[in-house]
Protein backbone atom coordinates (compact mmCIF):
# COMPACT_ATOMS: atom_id res chain seq x y z
CA UNK A 1 0.00 0.00 0.00
CA UNK A 2 1.49 3.38 -0.92
CA UNK A 3 2.53 5.49 2.05
CA UNK A 4 3.67 9.06 2.56
CA UNK A 5 5.17 10.70 5.61
CA UNK A 6 3.23 13.62 7.02
CA UNK A 7 4.85 17.01 7.38
CA UNK A 8 3.99 19.77 9.88
CA UNK A 9 2.42 21.81 7.07
CA UNK A 10 -0.02 19.05 5.99
CA UNK A 11 -3.74 19.57 6.34
CA UNK A 12 -7.02 18.29 4.92
CA UNK A 13 -9.50 20.73 3.39
CA UNK A 14 -13.03 20.42 4.73
CA UNK A 15 -14.28 23.67 3.18
CA UNK A 16 -16.77 22.75 0.46
CA UNK A 17 -16.47 26.25 -1.04
CA UNK A 18 -12.79 25.71 -1.85
CA UNK A 19 -11.43 23.93 -4.95
CA UNK A 20 -9.21 21.88 -2.61
CA UNK A 21 -12.24 20.47 -0.76
CA UNK A 22 -11.64 16.96 0.57
CA UNK A 23 -8.01 16.95 -0.49
CA UNK A 24 -4.59 17.08 1.14
CA UNK A 25 -3.48 20.74 1.39
CA UNK A 26 -0.41 22.65 2.45
CA UNK A 27 -0.91 24.90 5.47
CA UNK A 28 -1.62 27.64 5.92
CA UNK A 29 -4.59 27.57 3.58
CA UNK A 30 -7.46 30.03 3.41
CA UNK A 31 -10.38 27.64 3.87
CA UNK A 32 -11.52 25.50 6.75
CA UNK A 33 -9.22 22.52 7.27
CA UNK A 34 -7.99 19.91 9.68
CA UNK A 35 -4.34 19.91 10.71
CA UNK A 36 -2.88 16.43 10.11
CA UNK A 37 0.34 16.96 12.09
CA UNK A 38 -0.81 16.38 15.67
CA UNK A 39 0.91 16.26 19.03
CA UNK A 40 -1.51 13.67 20.46
CA UNK A 41 -0.36 10.85 18.14
CA UNK A 42 -3.82 10.11 16.73
CA UNK A 43 -2.60 10.58 13.17
CA UNK A 44 0.78 8.87 13.59
CA UNK A 45 -0.81 6.19 11.38
CA UNK A 46 -3.61 7.42 9.15
CA UNK A 47 -5.45 5.98 6.15
CA UNK A 48 -7.78 8.10 4.03
CA UNK A 49 -10.64 5.70 3.29
CA UNK A 50 -11.75 7.16 -0.04
CA UNK A 51 -15.04 8.80 0.98
CA UNK A 52 -16.46 11.41 -1.43
CA UNK A 53 -13.31 11.55 -3.50
CA UNK A 54 -14.17 10.24 -6.97
CA UNK A 55 -15.60 12.68 -7.81
CA UNK A 56 -15.51 15.09 -4.90
CA UNK A 57 -18.98 16.58 -4.41
CA UNK A 58 -19.46 19.77 -2.39
CA UNK A 59 -21.37 19.42 0.87
CA UNK A 60 -21.32 15.60 0.76
CA UNK A 61 -18.83 15.37 3.61
CA UNK A 62 -15.09 15.33 3.89
CA UNK A 63 -12.65 12.48 4.44
CA UNK A 64 -13.15 9.53 6.72
CA UNK A 65 -9.84 8.49 8.21
CA UNK A 66 -8.75 5.24 9.81
CA UNK A 67 -6.39 6.30 12.60
CA UNK A 68 -5.04 5.60 16.08
CA UNK A 69 -7.70 5.61 18.83
CA UNK A 70 -7.77 7.91 21.83
CA UNK A 71 -7.37 6.36 25.27
CA UNK A 72 -10.49 4.42 26.17
CA UNK A 73 -11.70 4.62 22.56
CA UNK A 74 -13.12 8.10 23.11
CA UNK A 75 -15.34 9.13 20.17
CA UNK A 76 -13.90 10.49 16.94
CA UNK A 77 -15.39 13.22 14.73
CA UNK A 78 -16.66 10.71 12.18
CA UNK A 79 -13.55 8.60 11.64
CA UNK A 80 -12.71 4.99 12.46
CA UNK A 81 -10.13 4.49 15.22
CA UNK A 82 -8.26 1.42 16.42
CA UNK A 83 -5.63 0.82 19.06
CA UNK A 84 -2.23 1.37 17.44
CA UNK A 85 -1.31 -2.32 17.67
CA UNK A 86 -4.58 -3.34 15.99
CA UNK A 87 -4.22 -0.66 13.32
CA UNK A 88 -0.71 -1.89 12.51
CA UNK A 89 -2.06 -5.45 12.18
CA UNK A 90 -4.77 -4.26 9.76
CA UNK A 91 -2.29 -2.25 7.70
CA UNK A 92 -0.08 -5.33 7.27
CA UNK A 93 -3.04 -7.07 5.60
CA UNK A 94 -3.83 -4.28 3.13
CA UNK A 95 -2.57 -3.99 -0.42
CA UNK A 96 -3.18 -1.60 -3.31
CA UNK A 97 -6.47 -3.27 -4.27
CA UNK A 98 -7.79 -3.71 -0.74
CA UNK A 99 -11.27 -2.60 0.19
CA UNK A 100 -12.29 -1.71 3.73
CA UNK A 101 -16.01 -2.04 4.37
CA UNK A 102 -17.39 -0.16 7.37
CA UNK A 103 -20.56 -1.60 8.86
CA UNK A 104 -22.72 -0.08 11.57
C-alpha atoms as a PDB file:
ATOM      1  CA  UNK A   1       0.000   0.000   0.000  1.00  0.00           C
ATOM      2  CA  UNK A   2       1.486   3.385  -0.921  1.00  0.00           C
ATOM      3  CA  UNK A   3       2.534   5.493   2.049  1.00  0.00           C
ATOM      4  CA  UNK A   4       3.667   9.060   2.563  1.00  0.00           C
ATOM      5  CA  UNK A   5       5.171  10.705   5.608  1.00  0.00           C
ATOM      6  CA  UNK A   6       3.225  13.616   7.022  1.00  0.00           C
ATOM      7  CA  UNK A   7       4.850  17.009   7.381  1.00  0.00           C
ATOM      8  CA  UNK A   8       3.990  19.774   9.876  1.00  0.00           C
ATOM      9  CA  UNK A   9       2.420  21.805   7.069  1.00  0.00           C
ATOM     10  CA  UNK A  10      -0.019  19.052   5.989  1.00  0.00           C
ATOM     11  CA  UNK A  11      -3.736  19.569   6.340  1.00  0.00           C
ATOM     12  CA  UNK A  12      -7.017  18.294   4.917  1.00  0.00           C
ATOM     13  CA  UNK A  13      -9.501  20.729   3.388  1.00  0.00           C
ATOM     14  CA  UNK A  14     -13.034  20.421   4.734  1.00  0.00           C
ATOM     15  CA  UNK A  15     -14.275  23.672   3.181  1.00  0.00           C
ATOM     16  CA  UNK A  16     -16.772  22.750   0.456  1.00  0.00           C
ATOM     17  CA  UNK A  17     -16.474  26.247  -1.041  1.00  0.00           C
ATOM     18  CA  UNK A  18     -12.787  25.712  -1.853  1.00  0.00           C
ATOM     19  CA  UNK A  19     -11.433  23.931  -4.953  1.00  0.00           C
ATOM     20  CA  UNK A  20      -9.213  21.879  -2.612  1.00  0.00           C
ATOM     21  CA  UNK A  21     -12.242  20.467  -0.760  1.00  0.00           C
ATOM     22  CA  UNK A  22     -11.644  16.957   0.570  1.00  0.00           C
ATOM     23  CA  UNK A  23      -8.007  16.954  -0.493  1.00  0.00           C
ATOM     24  CA  UNK A  24      -4.590  17.083   1.140  1.00  0.00           C
ATOM     25  CA  UNK A  25      -3.482  20.736   1.393  1.00  0.00           C
ATOM     26  CA  UNK A  26      -0.410  22.654   2.454  1.00  0.00           C
ATOM     27  CA  UNK A  27      -0.914  24.896   5.475  1.00  0.00           C
ATOM     28  CA  UNK A  28      -1.621  27.636   5.918  1.00  0.00           C
ATOM     29  CA  UNK A  29      -4.590  27.570   3.582  1.00  0.00           C
ATOM     30  CA  UNK A  30      -7.455  30.026   3.409  1.00  0.00           C
ATOM     31  CA  UNK A  31     -10.379  27.645   3.868  1.00  0.00           C
ATOM     32  CA  UNK A  32     -11.518  25.504   6.752  1.00  0.00           C
ATOM     33  CA  UNK A  33      -9.225  22.518   7.266  1.00  0.00           C
ATOM     34  CA  UNK A  34      -7.987  19.908   9.675  1.00  0.00           C
ATOM     35  CA  UNK A  35      -4.340  19.908  10.709  1.00  0.00           C
ATOM     36  CA  UNK A  36      -2.880  16.431  10.113  1.00  0.00           C
ATOM     37  CA  UNK A  37       0.339  16.955  12.086  1.00  0.00           C
ATOM     38  CA  UNK A  38      -0.807  16.378  15.667  1.00  0.00           C
ATOM     39  CA  UNK A  39       0.913  16.263  19.033  1.00  0.00           C
ATOM     40  CA  UNK A  40      -1.509  13.669  20.459  1.00  0.00           C
ATOM     41  CA  UNK A  41      -0.362  10.847  18.145  1.00  0.00           C
ATOM     42  CA  UNK A  42      -3.823  10.107  16.732  1.00  0.00           C
ATOM     43  CA  UNK A  43      -2.597  10.577  13.170  1.00  0.00           C
ATOM     44  CA  UNK A  44       0.776   8.873  13.594  1.00  0.00           C
ATOM     45  CA  UNK A  45      -0.812   6.191  11.378  1.00  0.00           C
ATOM     46  CA  UNK A  46      -3.613   7.425   9.153  1.00  0.00           C
ATOM     47  CA  UNK A  47      -5.451   5.976   6.154  1.00  0.00           C
ATOM     48  CA  UNK A  48      -7.777   8.098   4.030  1.00  0.00           C
ATOM     49  CA  UNK A  49     -10.643   5.702   3.289  1.00  0.00           C
ATOM     50  CA  UNK A  50     -11.753   7.161  -0.036  1.00  0.00           C
ATOM     51  CA  UNK A  51     -15.039   8.800   0.981  1.00  0.00           C
ATOM     52  CA  UNK A  52     -16.464  11.412  -1.425  1.00  0.00           C
ATOM     53  CA  UNK A  53     -13.309  11.548  -3.496  1.00  0.00           C
ATOM     54  CA  UNK A  54     -14.175  10.241  -6.972  1.00  0.00           C
ATOM     55  CA  UNK A  55     -15.602  12.677  -7.807  1.00  0.00           C
ATOM     56  CA  UNK A  56     -15.508  15.094  -4.902  1.00  0.00           C
ATOM     57  CA  UNK A  57     -18.975  16.578  -4.410  1.00  0.00           C
ATOM     58  CA  UNK A  58     -19.458  19.775  -2.394  1.00  0.00           C
ATOM     59  CA  UNK A  59     -21.366  19.420   0.866  1.00  0.00           C
ATOM     60  CA  UNK A  60     -21.322  15.598   0.759  1.00  0.00           C
ATOM     61  CA  UNK A  61     -18.826  15.366   3.609  1.00  0.00           C
ATOM     62  CA  UNK A  62     -15.094  15.332   3.890  1.00  0.00           C
ATOM     63  CA  UNK A  63     -12.655  12.479   4.435  1.00  0.00           C
ATOM     64  CA  UNK A  64     -13.146   9.531   6.716  1.00  0.00           C
ATOM     65  CA  UNK A  65      -9.837   8.491   8.208  1.00  0.00           C
ATOM     66  CA  UNK A  66      -8.749   5.243   9.811  1.00  0.00           C
ATOM     67  CA  UNK A  67      -6.387   6.304  12.596  1.00  0.00           C
ATOM     68  CA  UNK A  68      -5.041   5.597  16.077  1.00  0.00           C
ATOM     69  CA  UNK A  69      -7.702   5.613  18.827  1.00  0.00           C
ATOM     70  CA  UNK A  70      -7.768   7.907  21.827  1.00  0.00           C
ATOM     71  CA  UNK A  71      -7.374   6.362  25.266  1.00  0.00           C
ATOM     72  CA  UNK A  72     -10.494   4.417  26.170  1.00  0.00           C
ATOM     73  CA  UNK A  73     -11.702   4.622  22.560  1.00  0.00           C
ATOM     74  CA  UNK A  74     -13.123   8.103  23.113  1.00  0.00           C
ATOM     75  CA  UNK A  75     -15.342   9.132  20.172  1.00  0.00           C
ATOM     76  CA  UNK A  76     -13.900  10.492  16.935  1.00  0.00           C
ATOM     77  CA  UNK A  77     -15.391  13.216  14.728  1.00  0.00           C
ATOM     78  CA  UNK A  78     -16.656  10.713  12.175  1.00  0.00           C
ATOM     79  CA  UNK A  79     -13.552   8.596  11.643  1.00  0.00           C
ATOM     80  CA  UNK A  80     -12.712   4.986  12.456  1.00  0.00           C
ATOM     81  CA  UNK A  81     -10.135   4.492  15.218  1.00  0.00           C
ATOM     82  CA  UNK A  82      -8.256   1.421  16.421  1.00  0.00           C
ATOM     83  CA  UNK A  83      -5.630   0.823  19.064  1.00  0.00           C
ATOM     84  CA  UNK A  84      -2.233   1.368  17.440  1.00  0.00           C
ATOM     85  CA  UNK A  85      -1.314  -2.323  17.672  1.00  0.00           C
ATOM     86  CA  UNK A  86      -4.581  -3.340  15.989  1.00  0.00           C
ATOM     87  CA  UNK A  87      -4.216  -0.658  13.321  1.00  0.00           C
ATOM     88  CA  UNK A  88      -0.708  -1.886  12.513  1.00  0.00           C
ATOM     89  CA  UNK A  89      -2.064  -5.447  12.175  1.00  0.00           C
ATOM     90  CA  UNK A  90      -4.773  -4.264   9.764  1.00  0.00           C
ATOM     91  CA  UNK A  91      -2.288  -2.247   7.704  1.00  0.00           C
ATOM     92  CA  UNK A  92      -0.085  -5.330   7.267  1.00  0.00           C
ATOM     93  CA  UNK A  93      -3.042  -7.068   5.603  1.00  0.00           C
ATOM     94  CA  UNK A  94      -3.834  -4.280   3.126  1.00  0.00           C
ATOM     95  CA  UNK A  95      -2.569  -3.987  -0.419  1.00  0.00           C
ATOM     96  CA  UNK A  96      -3.184  -1.604  -3.311  1.00  0.00           C
ATOM     97  CA  UNK A  97      -6.468  -3.267  -4.268  1.00  0.00           C
ATOM     98  CA  UNK A  98      -7.786  -3.714  -0.738  1.00  0.00           C
ATOM     99  CA  UNK A  99     -11.271  -2.601   0.193  1.00  0.00           C
ATOM    100  CA  UNK A 100     -12.288  -1.714   3.726  1.00  0.00           C
ATOM    101  CA  UNK A 101     -16.014  -2.037   4.367  1.00  0.00           C
ATOM    102  CA  UNK A 102     -17.387  -0.157   7.367  1.00  0.00           C
ATOM    103  CA  UNK A 103     -20.558  -1.605   8.859  1.00  0.00           C
ATOM    104  CA  UNK A 104     -22.724  -0.080  11.569  1.00  0.00           C
END
